[in-house]
Amino acid sequence: MNWYSAADTPELAGFGPVTGLGVTGHGAPGGPAHLAAITALYAVAGPLTGLAGGLPMPALEGRWWVEDVTRHPLDVPRDEWHWHLFLRLHASLHHAQDPAFDPALVEQAREAARPTPGIAAVQLVTFTDGRCVQMTHHGSFAEEPKSLALMDEFMRAHDLVPAGLHHEIYLSGVQETGPAAMRTILRQPVRSA
C-alpha cells in the first residue's frame, strides 16, 4: 500500500517500519508548543531534503494520545493531548550498502538549522503501524469525529480493537487551502479483539 494514500471509506491496511525525524511533546494542536515543534522539525528536515537532491518536503504526520483513561480522548481538553510529530525520510537518504539511515546526516542537518529553538528535541525515529484501519478524511480537523466514528464502526464489524497510537498524515494544511478542501489520512493500528 502507498503510505500517502487511503480510501475515502474505512479499509484495512498494513505498513512496515518507517524512519524519519520526530519530536515529542504535549499541548493543544496549533498551540505554542505544537507550533514550535513543527518549526524545529522542518528546520532540521530542510537540509536533509537538500542532501537528497532537492526532494519535496514530506507531509507532516502526527501520532496522538491522552493519558486520561477515564474519558473518551475527544473529551479530554486539547491542552492535555500528547503527540509525536513526524516527517518521513526518503529512501534516497539511506546508503545502498546499509538500509539504515545514517544518524550523522541528522547531526549535520541539526547544525545547519542552528539557531532555531527546539532543534535538539528533533530525533531520528523508526516506528511501525502494522495492521491498521485507515481512511482519508475530507474537511476540517473539527469534523474528524465523523470519520473516526466510521472507523470505529468498521473495527467493531471486523472484531478489531485499537492497538497503538492514533496516526494522522496531513496531506494538506490550513495554510494551503480552505477547511472544506483539506485532506487528512486517519490511521489506527489494530489487533483482533
N, C-alpha and C. Protein backbone atom coordinates (compact mmCIF):
# COMPACT_ATOMS: atom_id res chain seq x y z
N MET A 1 0.84 -1.19 0.00
CA MET A 1 0.00 0.00 0.00
C MET A 1 0.88 1.25 0.00
N ASN A 2 0.37 2.31 -0.57
CA ASN A 2 1.07 3.58 -0.60
C ASN A 2 0.88 4.29 0.75
N TRP A 3 1.98 4.71 1.36
CA TRP A 3 1.97 5.37 2.66
C TRP A 3 1.09 6.62 2.66
N TYR A 4 1.05 7.32 1.53
CA TYR A 4 0.36 8.60 1.45
C TYR A 4 -0.99 8.53 0.76
N SER A 5 -1.65 7.37 0.76
CA SER A 5 -2.99 7.30 0.19
C SER A 5 -3.86 6.37 1.01
N ALA A 6 -5.15 6.67 1.02
CA ALA A 6 -6.14 5.84 1.71
C ALA A 6 -7.49 6.10 1.05
N ALA A 7 -8.36 5.12 1.11
CA ALA A 7 -9.70 5.24 0.53
C ALA A 7 -10.51 6.29 1.30
N ASP A 8 -11.61 6.70 0.73
CA ASP A 8 -12.49 7.66 1.38
C ASP A 8 -13.42 7.01 2.40
N THR A 9 -13.38 5.70 2.49
CA THR A 9 -14.13 4.95 3.49
C THR A 9 -13.14 4.04 4.21
N PRO A 10 -13.49 3.58 5.42
CA PRO A 10 -12.53 2.75 6.18
C PRO A 10 -12.12 1.49 5.42
N GLU A 11 -10.83 1.16 5.55
CA GLU A 11 -10.26 -0.02 4.92
C GLU A 11 -9.16 -0.57 5.82
N LEU A 12 -8.87 -1.87 5.65
CA LEU A 12 -7.74 -2.49 6.33
C LEU A 12 -6.48 -2.26 5.50
N ALA A 13 -5.37 -2.01 6.18
CA ALA A 13 -4.09 -1.81 5.51
C ALA A 13 -2.99 -2.34 6.42
N GLY A 14 -1.80 -2.47 5.88
CA GLY A 14 -0.66 -2.90 6.68
C GLY A 14 0.59 -2.17 6.25
N PHE A 15 1.38 -1.73 7.23
CA PHE A 15 2.58 -0.95 6.95
C PHE A 15 3.72 -1.42 7.84
N GLY A 16 4.89 -1.60 7.22
CA GLY A 16 6.09 -1.97 7.95
C GLY A 16 6.76 -0.75 8.55
N PRO A 17 8.00 -0.92 9.02
CA PRO A 17 8.71 0.17 9.68
C PRO A 17 8.99 1.34 8.74
N VAL A 18 8.91 2.54 9.29
CA VAL A 18 9.27 3.77 8.58
C VAL A 18 10.22 4.57 9.47
N THR A 19 11.13 5.29 8.82
CA THR A 19 12.13 6.09 9.54
C THR A 19 11.97 7.55 9.13
N GLY A 20 12.18 8.41 10.09
CA GLY A 20 12.09 9.83 9.81
C GLY A 20 12.52 10.65 11.00
N LEU A 21 12.22 11.93 10.91
CA LEU A 21 12.51 12.84 12.01
C LEU A 21 11.27 12.96 12.87
N GLY A 22 11.46 12.94 14.18
CA GLY A 22 10.34 13.03 15.10
C GLY A 22 10.64 13.94 16.26
N VAL A 23 9.59 14.48 16.82
CA VAL A 23 9.69 15.27 18.04
C VAL A 23 8.44 15.00 18.86
N THR A 24 8.60 14.87 20.16
CA THR A 24 7.51 14.52 21.06
C THR A 24 7.20 15.69 21.98
N GLY A 25 5.91 15.88 22.27
CA GLY A 25 5.52 16.93 23.19
C GLY A 25 4.07 16.78 23.60
N HIS A 26 3.58 17.79 24.27
CA HIS A 26 2.16 17.80 24.62
C HIS A 26 1.65 19.23 24.62
N GLY A 27 0.35 19.33 24.41
CA GLY A 27 -0.31 20.62 24.33
C GLY A 27 -1.29 20.62 23.18
N ALA A 28 -2.07 21.66 23.11
CA ALA A 28 -3.13 21.75 22.11
C ALA A 28 -2.56 21.82 20.71
N PRO A 29 -3.22 21.14 19.74
CA PRO A 29 -2.84 21.31 18.34
C PRO A 29 -2.94 22.79 17.97
N GLY A 30 -1.90 23.30 17.35
CA GLY A 30 -1.88 24.72 16.99
C GLY A 30 -1.45 25.63 18.12
N GLY A 31 -1.20 25.07 19.30
CA GLY A 31 -0.73 25.85 20.44
C GLY A 31 0.75 26.15 20.32
N PRO A 32 1.28 26.97 21.24
CA PRO A 32 2.69 27.38 21.14
C PRO A 32 3.69 26.22 21.10
N ALA A 33 3.53 25.21 21.96
CA ALA A 33 4.48 24.08 21.97
C ALA A 33 4.39 23.29 20.68
N HIS A 34 3.19 23.08 20.20
CA HIS A 34 2.97 22.32 18.97
C HIS A 34 3.58 23.04 17.77
N LEU A 35 3.32 24.34 17.65
CA LEU A 35 3.86 25.11 16.52
C LEU A 35 5.38 25.22 16.59
N ALA A 36 5.94 25.37 17.79
CA ALA A 36 7.40 25.43 17.93
C ALA A 36 8.04 24.10 17.51
N ALA A 37 7.40 22.99 17.86
CA ALA A 37 7.92 21.67 17.49
C ALA A 37 7.88 21.48 15.97
N ILE A 38 6.82 21.95 15.33
CA ILE A 38 6.73 21.85 13.87
C ILE A 38 7.83 22.67 13.21
N THR A 39 8.06 23.88 13.73
CA THR A 39 9.11 24.74 13.19
C THR A 39 10.48 24.06 13.30
N ALA A 40 10.77 23.47 14.46
CA ALA A 40 12.05 22.79 14.66
C ALA A 40 12.19 21.58 13.73
N LEU A 41 11.11 20.82 13.59
CA LEU A 41 11.13 19.64 12.73
C LEU A 41 11.46 20.01 11.28
N TYR A 42 10.78 21.03 10.76
CA TYR A 42 11.05 21.46 9.39
C TYR A 42 12.43 22.09 9.24
N ALA A 43 12.92 22.76 10.28
CA ALA A 43 14.26 23.36 10.21
C ALA A 43 15.34 22.29 10.04
N VAL A 44 15.16 21.15 10.71
CA VAL A 44 16.14 20.06 10.57
C VAL A 44 15.91 19.30 9.26
N ALA A 45 14.66 19.14 8.87
CA ALA A 45 14.35 18.40 7.64
C ALA A 45 14.83 19.12 6.39
N GLY A 46 14.83 20.43 6.39
CA GLY A 46 15.21 21.20 5.20
C GLY A 46 16.56 20.81 4.65
N PRO A 47 17.62 20.82 5.46
CA PRO A 47 18.94 20.40 4.93
C PRO A 47 18.96 18.94 4.46
N LEU A 48 18.18 18.07 5.11
CA LEU A 48 18.17 16.66 4.70
C LEU A 48 17.54 16.49 3.32
N THR A 49 16.45 17.19 3.05
CA THR A 49 15.84 17.06 1.72
C THR A 49 16.78 17.62 0.66
N GLY A 50 17.58 18.62 1.00
CA GLY A 50 18.59 19.14 0.08
C GLY A 50 19.65 18.11 -0.23
N LEU A 51 20.04 17.30 0.77
CA LEU A 51 21.03 16.24 0.55
C LEU A 51 20.53 15.18 -0.42
N ALA A 52 19.21 15.05 -0.50
CA ALA A 52 18.63 14.03 -1.38
C ALA A 52 18.31 14.60 -2.76
N GLY A 53 18.95 15.69 -3.11
CA GLY A 53 18.78 16.23 -4.45
C GLY A 53 17.54 17.08 -4.62
N GLY A 54 17.18 17.81 -3.58
CA GLY A 54 16.04 18.72 -3.67
C GLY A 54 14.69 18.04 -3.67
N LEU A 55 14.58 16.93 -2.94
CA LEU A 55 13.28 16.26 -2.84
C LEU A 55 12.26 17.17 -2.17
N PRO A 56 10.98 17.02 -2.52
CA PRO A 56 9.96 17.83 -1.85
C PRO A 56 9.88 17.44 -0.38
N MET A 57 9.45 18.39 0.44
CA MET A 57 9.30 18.13 1.87
C MET A 57 8.17 17.11 2.07
N PRO A 58 8.39 16.09 2.89
CA PRO A 58 7.32 15.11 3.12
C PRO A 58 6.17 15.73 3.91
N ALA A 59 5.03 15.07 3.86
CA ALA A 59 3.86 15.54 4.60
C ALA A 59 4.10 15.40 6.10
N LEU A 60 3.64 16.39 6.85
CA LEU A 60 3.70 16.33 8.30
C LEU A 60 2.76 15.24 8.79
N GLU A 61 3.18 14.52 9.82
CA GLU A 61 2.36 13.47 10.42
C GLU A 61 2.32 13.69 11.92
N GLY A 62 1.28 13.18 12.54
CA GLY A 62 1.17 13.25 13.99
C GLY A 62 0.57 11.97 14.52
N ARG A 63 1.14 11.47 15.60
CA ARG A 63 0.53 10.36 16.34
C ARG A 63 0.13 10.93 17.69
N TRP A 64 -1.11 10.67 18.10
CA TRP A 64 -1.73 11.36 19.22
C TRP A 64 -2.18 10.38 20.30
N TRP A 65 -2.16 10.84 21.55
CA TRP A 65 -2.72 10.06 22.66
C TRP A 65 -3.02 10.99 23.83
N VAL A 66 -3.83 10.46 24.76
CA VAL A 66 -4.11 11.15 26.03
C VAL A 66 -3.81 10.16 27.14
N GLU A 67 -3.49 10.68 28.30
CA GLU A 67 -3.18 9.80 29.42
C GLU A 67 -4.35 9.64 30.39
N ASP A 68 -5.43 10.35 30.16
CA ASP A 68 -6.64 10.25 30.97
C ASP A 68 -7.49 9.10 30.42
N VAL A 69 -7.47 7.96 31.11
CA VAL A 69 -8.20 6.78 30.62
C VAL A 69 -9.65 6.77 31.08
N THR A 70 -10.05 7.76 31.87
CA THR A 70 -11.43 7.79 32.38
C THR A 70 -12.39 8.46 31.40
N ARG A 71 -11.87 9.13 30.38
CA ARG A 71 -12.72 9.82 29.41
C ARG A 71 -12.35 9.41 27.99
N HIS A 72 -13.31 9.60 27.08
CA HIS A 72 -13.02 9.40 25.66
C HIS A 72 -11.96 10.43 25.27
N PRO A 73 -10.98 10.06 24.43
CA PRO A 73 -9.91 11.01 24.09
C PRO A 73 -10.41 12.37 23.60
N LEU A 74 -11.51 12.40 22.85
CA LEU A 74 -12.00 13.68 22.34
C LEU A 74 -12.67 14.52 23.42
N ASP A 75 -12.92 13.92 24.60
CA ASP A 75 -13.49 14.67 25.72
C ASP A 75 -12.40 15.27 26.62
N VAL A 76 -11.15 14.88 26.39
CA VAL A 76 -10.02 15.41 27.17
C VAL A 76 -9.66 16.78 26.59
N PRO A 77 -9.47 17.80 27.45
CA PRO A 77 -9.09 19.13 26.92
C PRO A 77 -7.85 19.03 26.03
N ARG A 78 -7.88 19.78 24.95
CA ARG A 78 -6.82 19.70 23.95
C ARG A 78 -5.44 20.05 24.50
N ASP A 79 -5.36 20.89 25.52
CA ASP A 79 -4.05 21.23 26.07
C ASP A 79 -3.45 20.07 26.87
N GLU A 80 -4.20 18.98 27.05
CA GLU A 80 -3.70 17.78 27.73
C GLU A 80 -3.32 16.68 26.74
N TRP A 81 -3.46 16.94 25.45
CA TRP A 81 -3.11 15.94 24.44
C TRP A 81 -1.59 15.81 24.33
N HIS A 82 -1.13 14.60 24.00
CA HIS A 82 0.28 14.31 23.75
C HIS A 82 0.44 13.94 22.29
N TRP A 83 1.63 14.20 21.73
CA TRP A 83 1.85 13.93 20.32
C TRP A 83 3.31 13.60 20.02
N HIS A 84 3.45 12.83 18.94
CA HIS A 84 4.73 12.62 18.26
C HIS A 84 4.52 13.22 16.87
N LEU A 85 5.26 14.24 16.53
CA LEU A 85 5.21 14.78 15.17
C LEU A 85 6.31 14.10 14.36
N PHE A 86 6.08 13.90 13.07
CA PHE A 86 6.96 13.05 12.28
C PHE A 86 7.03 13.53 10.84
N LEU A 87 8.23 13.48 10.26
CA LEU A 87 8.44 13.69 8.82
C LEU A 87 9.20 12.47 8.32
N ARG A 88 8.61 11.74 7.39
CA ARG A 88 9.23 10.52 6.87
C ARG A 88 10.41 10.90 5.97
N LEU A 89 11.52 10.19 6.14
CA LEU A 89 12.71 10.43 5.33
C LEU A 89 12.68 9.56 4.08
N HIS A 90 13.12 10.14 2.99
CA HIS A 90 13.10 9.46 1.69
C HIS A 90 14.17 8.38 1.62
N ALA A 91 13.87 7.32 0.92
CA ALA A 91 14.78 6.18 0.79
C ALA A 91 16.12 6.57 0.19
N SER A 92 16.19 7.64 -0.60
CA SER A 92 17.46 8.01 -1.23
C SER A 92 18.47 8.53 -0.20
N LEU A 93 18.03 8.77 1.03
CA LEU A 93 18.96 9.20 2.08
C LEU A 93 19.60 8.01 2.80
N HIS A 94 19.21 6.80 2.43
CA HIS A 94 19.80 5.60 3.01
C HIS A 94 20.98 5.17 2.14
N HIS A 95 21.97 4.57 2.76
CA HIS A 95 23.12 4.08 1.99
C HIS A 95 22.73 2.80 1.25
N ALA A 96 23.25 2.62 0.05
CA ALA A 96 22.93 1.42 -0.74
C ALA A 96 23.36 0.15 -0.01
N GLN A 97 24.51 0.19 0.68
CA GLN A 97 25.00 -1.00 1.37
C GLN A 97 24.28 -1.23 2.70
N ASP A 98 23.67 -0.19 3.26
CA ASP A 98 23.05 -0.28 4.58
C ASP A 98 21.68 0.39 4.51
N PRO A 99 20.59 -0.39 4.68
CA PRO A 99 19.26 0.21 4.58
C PRO A 99 18.94 1.16 5.73
N ALA A 100 19.75 1.14 6.79
CA ALA A 100 19.52 2.04 7.91
C ALA A 100 19.97 3.45 7.54
N PHE A 101 19.28 4.43 8.07
CA PHE A 101 19.61 5.82 7.81
C PHE A 101 20.85 6.21 8.62
N ASP A 102 21.72 7.01 8.05
CA ASP A 102 22.94 7.43 8.72
C ASP A 102 22.63 8.57 9.71
N PRO A 103 22.70 8.31 11.02
CA PRO A 103 22.40 9.34 12.02
C PRO A 103 23.30 10.58 11.91
N ALA A 104 24.49 10.42 11.34
CA ALA A 104 25.39 11.57 11.20
C ALA A 104 24.76 12.64 10.31
N LEU A 105 23.93 12.23 9.35
CA LEU A 105 23.26 13.20 8.49
C LEU A 105 22.29 14.07 9.29
N VAL A 106 21.63 13.48 10.28
CA VAL A 106 20.72 14.26 11.14
C VAL A 106 21.51 15.28 11.94
N GLU A 107 22.67 14.87 12.45
CA GLU A 107 23.51 15.81 13.20
C GLU A 107 23.96 16.97 12.32
N GLN A 108 24.34 16.66 11.08
CA GLN A 108 24.73 17.72 10.15
C GLN A 108 23.56 18.67 9.88
N ALA A 109 22.37 18.10 9.71
CA ALA A 109 21.18 18.93 9.46
C ALA A 109 20.84 19.78 10.67
N ARG A 110 21.00 19.21 11.86
CA ARG A 110 20.73 19.96 13.09
C ARG A 110 21.69 21.14 13.20
N GLU A 111 22.96 20.91 12.87
CA GLU A 111 23.95 22.01 12.89
C GLU A 111 23.57 23.09 11.88
N ALA A 112 23.11 22.68 10.70
CA ALA A 112 22.73 23.64 9.67
C ALA A 112 21.49 24.44 10.08
N ALA A 113 20.67 23.88 10.96
CA ALA A 113 19.42 24.54 11.38
C ALA A 113 19.62 25.51 12.55
N ARG A 114 20.82 25.53 13.13
CA ARG A 114 21.03 26.45 14.26
C ARG A 114 20.87 27.87 13.78
N PRO A 115 20.33 28.77 14.57
CA PRO A 115 19.96 28.68 15.98
C PRO A 115 18.46 28.46 16.21
N THR A 116 17.77 27.75 15.36
CA THR A 116 16.33 27.52 15.55
C THR A 116 16.07 26.89 16.91
N PRO A 117 15.18 27.47 17.70
CA PRO A 117 14.87 26.87 19.02
C PRO A 117 14.25 25.48 18.86
N GLY A 118 14.59 24.59 19.77
CA GLY A 118 13.96 23.28 19.83
C GLY A 118 14.56 22.22 18.95
N ILE A 119 15.62 22.53 18.19
CA ILE A 119 16.15 21.52 17.27
C ILE A 119 16.80 20.34 18.00
N ALA A 120 17.23 20.55 19.25
CA ALA A 120 17.83 19.44 20.00
C ALA A 120 16.81 18.33 20.27
N ALA A 121 15.53 18.67 20.28
CA ALA A 121 14.48 17.68 20.55
C ALA A 121 14.13 16.85 19.31
N VAL A 122 14.60 17.25 18.14
CA VAL A 122 14.30 16.51 16.91
C VAL A 122 15.23 15.30 16.84
N GLN A 123 14.62 14.12 16.74
CA GLN A 123 15.37 12.88 16.78
C GLN A 123 15.10 12.03 15.54
N LEU A 124 16.01 11.13 15.24
CA LEU A 124 15.81 10.12 14.21
C LEU A 124 15.01 8.99 14.85
N VAL A 125 13.84 8.66 14.29
CA VAL A 125 12.97 7.65 14.89
C VAL A 125 12.49 6.66 13.83
N THR A 126 12.17 5.47 14.29
CA THR A 126 11.56 4.44 13.46
C THR A 126 10.37 3.88 14.22
N PHE A 127 9.24 3.72 13.52
CA PHE A 127 8.09 3.09 14.15
C PHE A 127 7.36 2.25 13.10
N THR A 128 6.46 1.40 13.57
CA THR A 128 5.69 0.53 12.70
C THR A 128 4.22 0.64 13.06
N ASP A 129 3.37 0.99 12.10
CA ASP A 129 1.92 0.96 12.33
C ASP A 129 1.41 -0.47 12.30
N GLY A 130 1.98 -1.31 11.42
CA GLY A 130 1.50 -2.68 11.29
C GLY A 130 0.11 -2.71 10.67
N ARG A 131 -0.71 -3.63 11.15
CA ARG A 131 -2.09 -3.75 10.65
C ARG A 131 -2.90 -2.58 11.19
N CYS A 132 -3.66 -1.95 10.31
CA CYS A 132 -4.43 -0.78 10.75
C CYS A 132 -5.70 -0.61 9.93
N VAL A 133 -6.60 0.20 10.48
CA VAL A 133 -7.77 0.68 9.77
C VAL A 133 -7.46 2.13 9.41
N GLN A 134 -7.73 2.50 8.17
CA GLN A 134 -7.42 3.86 7.73
C GLN A 134 -8.49 4.37 6.78
N MET A 135 -8.51 5.68 6.63
CA MET A 135 -9.35 6.32 5.63
C MET A 135 -8.87 7.75 5.44
N THR A 136 -9.25 8.37 4.31
CA THR A 136 -8.96 9.78 4.10
C THR A 136 -10.15 10.59 4.59
N HIS A 137 -9.86 11.51 5.49
CA HIS A 137 -10.89 12.44 5.98
C HIS A 137 -10.84 13.69 5.11
N HIS A 138 -11.98 14.12 4.62
CA HIS A 138 -12.10 15.34 3.83
C HIS A 138 -12.79 16.39 4.69
N GLY A 139 -12.14 17.53 4.89
CA GLY A 139 -12.75 18.60 5.67
C GLY A 139 -11.86 19.02 6.82
N SER A 140 -12.41 19.87 7.67
CA SER A 140 -11.64 20.45 8.77
C SER A 140 -11.33 19.42 9.84
N PHE A 141 -10.35 19.74 10.66
CA PHE A 141 -9.99 18.88 11.78
C PHE A 141 -11.17 18.74 12.74
N ALA A 142 -11.97 19.79 12.89
CA ALA A 142 -13.12 19.76 13.79
C ALA A 142 -14.16 18.74 13.36
N GLU A 143 -14.16 18.35 12.08
CA GLU A 143 -15.12 17.37 11.57
C GLU A 143 -14.59 15.94 11.61
N GLU A 144 -13.36 15.74 12.09
CA GLU A 144 -12.78 14.39 12.13
C GLU A 144 -13.59 13.39 12.94
N PRO A 145 -14.28 13.79 14.04
CA PRO A 145 -15.05 12.79 14.79
C PRO A 145 -16.04 11.99 13.92
N LYS A 146 -16.56 12.58 12.84
CA LYS A 146 -17.46 11.83 11.95
C LYS A 146 -16.72 10.69 11.27
N SER A 147 -15.53 10.95 10.78
CA SER A 147 -14.73 9.91 10.13
C SER A 147 -14.25 8.89 11.15
N LEU A 148 -13.87 9.35 12.34
CA LEU A 148 -13.43 8.42 13.39
C LEU A 148 -14.57 7.49 13.80
N ALA A 149 -15.79 7.99 13.80
CA ALA A 149 -16.94 7.14 14.12
C ALA A 149 -17.12 6.05 13.06
N LEU A 150 -16.90 6.39 11.79
CA LEU A 150 -16.97 5.39 10.72
C LEU A 150 -15.89 4.33 10.92
N MET A 151 -14.71 4.75 11.31
CA MET A 151 -13.62 3.80 11.55
C MET A 151 -13.94 2.90 12.75
N ASP A 152 -14.51 3.47 13.81
CA ASP A 152 -14.89 2.67 14.98
C ASP A 152 -15.93 1.62 14.59
N GLU A 153 -16.90 2.02 13.77
CA GLU A 153 -17.94 1.09 13.31
C GLU A 153 -17.32 -0.04 12.49
N PHE A 154 -16.37 0.31 11.61
CA PHE A 154 -15.67 -0.68 10.80
C PHE A 154 -14.91 -1.66 11.70
N MET A 155 -14.23 -1.13 12.72
CA MET A 155 -13.47 -2.00 13.63
C MET A 155 -14.40 -2.96 14.36
N ARG A 156 -15.54 -2.47 14.86
CA ARG A 156 -16.49 -3.34 15.55
C ARG A 156 -17.00 -4.43 14.60
N ALA A 157 -17.32 -4.05 13.36
CA ALA A 157 -17.85 -5.02 12.38
C ALA A 157 -16.82 -6.10 12.04
N HIS A 158 -15.54 -5.79 12.16
CA HIS A 158 -14.48 -6.74 11.83
C HIS A 158 -13.79 -7.31 13.06
N ASP A 159 -14.40 -7.09 14.24
CA ASP A 159 -13.90 -7.64 15.51
C ASP A 159 -12.45 -7.21 15.77
N LEU A 160 -12.20 -5.89 15.61
CA LEU A 160 -10.88 -5.31 15.81
C LEU A 160 -10.93 -4.27 16.93
N VAL A 161 -9.81 -4.10 17.61
CA VAL A 161 -9.69 -3.08 18.64
C VAL A 161 -8.40 -2.29 18.41
N PRO A 162 -8.34 -1.04 18.89
CA PRO A 162 -7.11 -0.25 18.73
C PRO A 162 -5.93 -0.94 19.39
N ALA A 163 -4.76 -0.82 18.76
CA ALA A 163 -3.53 -1.44 19.26
C ALA A 163 -2.33 -0.53 19.00
N GLY A 164 -2.49 0.74 19.24
CA GLY A 164 -1.39 1.68 19.02
C GLY A 164 -1.94 3.09 18.97
N LEU A 165 -1.06 4.03 18.70
CA LEU A 165 -1.43 5.44 18.71
C LEU A 165 -2.21 5.84 17.46
N HIS A 166 -3.21 6.70 17.66
CA HIS A 166 -3.94 7.29 16.55
C HIS A 166 -2.94 8.08 15.70
N HIS A 167 -2.97 7.88 14.39
CA HIS A 167 -1.97 8.43 13.48
C HIS A 167 -2.67 9.25 12.41
N GLU A 168 -2.17 10.44 12.14
CA GLU A 168 -2.72 11.31 11.11
C GLU A 168 -1.60 11.75 10.17
N ILE A 169 -1.92 11.79 8.87
CA ILE A 169 -0.99 12.29 7.86
C ILE A 169 -1.69 13.47 7.18
N TYR A 170 -1.08 14.64 7.28
CA TYR A 170 -1.71 15.87 6.80
C TYR A 170 -1.32 16.12 5.34
N LEU A 171 -2.19 15.70 4.44
CA LEU A 171 -1.92 15.85 3.01
C LEU A 171 -2.08 17.28 2.55
N SER A 172 -2.82 18.07 3.30
CA SER A 172 -2.98 19.49 3.02
C SER A 172 -3.06 20.19 4.38
N GLY A 173 -2.72 21.45 4.39
CA GLY A 173 -2.74 22.18 5.64
C GLY A 173 -3.66 23.38 5.57
N VAL A 174 -4.02 23.89 6.74
CA VAL A 174 -4.91 25.04 6.81
C VAL A 174 -4.33 26.22 6.04
N GLN A 175 -2.99 26.37 6.09
CA GLN A 175 -2.36 27.49 5.40
C GLN A 175 -2.40 27.35 3.89
N GLU A 176 -2.62 26.12 3.38
CA GLU A 176 -2.59 25.87 1.94
C GLU A 176 -3.97 25.95 1.30
N THR A 177 -5.00 25.67 2.06
CA THR A 177 -6.32 25.53 1.47
C THR A 177 -7.39 25.79 2.52
N GLY A 178 -8.61 26.02 2.08
CA GLY A 178 -9.72 26.21 3.00
C GLY A 178 -10.08 24.90 3.68
N PRO A 179 -10.73 24.96 4.84
CA PRO A 179 -11.06 23.75 5.58
C PRO A 179 -11.85 22.72 4.78
N ALA A 180 -12.75 23.15 3.92
CA ALA A 180 -13.56 22.19 3.16
C ALA A 180 -12.72 21.35 2.20
N ALA A 181 -11.57 21.85 1.75
CA ALA A 181 -10.74 21.14 0.79
C ALA A 181 -9.61 20.35 1.46
N MET A 182 -9.53 20.39 2.77
CA MET A 182 -8.44 19.70 3.47
C MET A 182 -8.60 18.18 3.38
N ARG A 183 -7.44 17.48 3.33
CA ARG A 183 -7.41 16.02 3.30
C ARG A 183 -6.41 15.53 4.34
N THR A 184 -6.86 14.59 5.19
CA THR A 184 -6.03 14.02 6.24
C THR A 184 -6.24 12.51 6.26
N ILE A 185 -5.15 11.75 6.17
CA ILE A 185 -5.28 10.30 6.35
C ILE A 185 -5.37 10.03 7.84
N LEU A 186 -6.41 9.31 8.24
CA LEU A 186 -6.58 8.87 9.62
C LEU A 186 -6.23 7.40 9.65
N ARG A 187 -5.35 7.01 10.54
CA ARG A 187 -4.87 5.62 10.58
C ARG A 187 -4.85 5.16 12.04
N GLN A 188 -5.44 4.01 12.29
CA GLN A 188 -5.48 3.45 13.64
C GLN A 188 -4.93 2.03 13.63
N PRO A 189 -3.75 1.80 14.23
CA PRO A 189 -3.27 0.43 14.36
C PRO A 189 -4.29 -0.41 15.15
N VAL A 190 -4.45 -1.68 14.73
CA VAL A 190 -5.47 -2.53 15.34
C VAL A 190 -4.94 -3.93 15.57
N ARG A 191 -5.69 -4.69 16.37
CA ARG A 191 -5.47 -6.13 16.56
C ARG A 191 -6.84 -6.78 16.69
N SER A 192 -6.89 -8.08 16.59
CA SER A 192 -8.15 -8.79 16.76
C SER A 192 -8.60 -8.66 18.21
N ALA A 193 -9.92 -8.54 18.40
CA ALA A 193 -10.47 -8.38 19.76
C ALA A 193 -10.33 -9.67 20.54
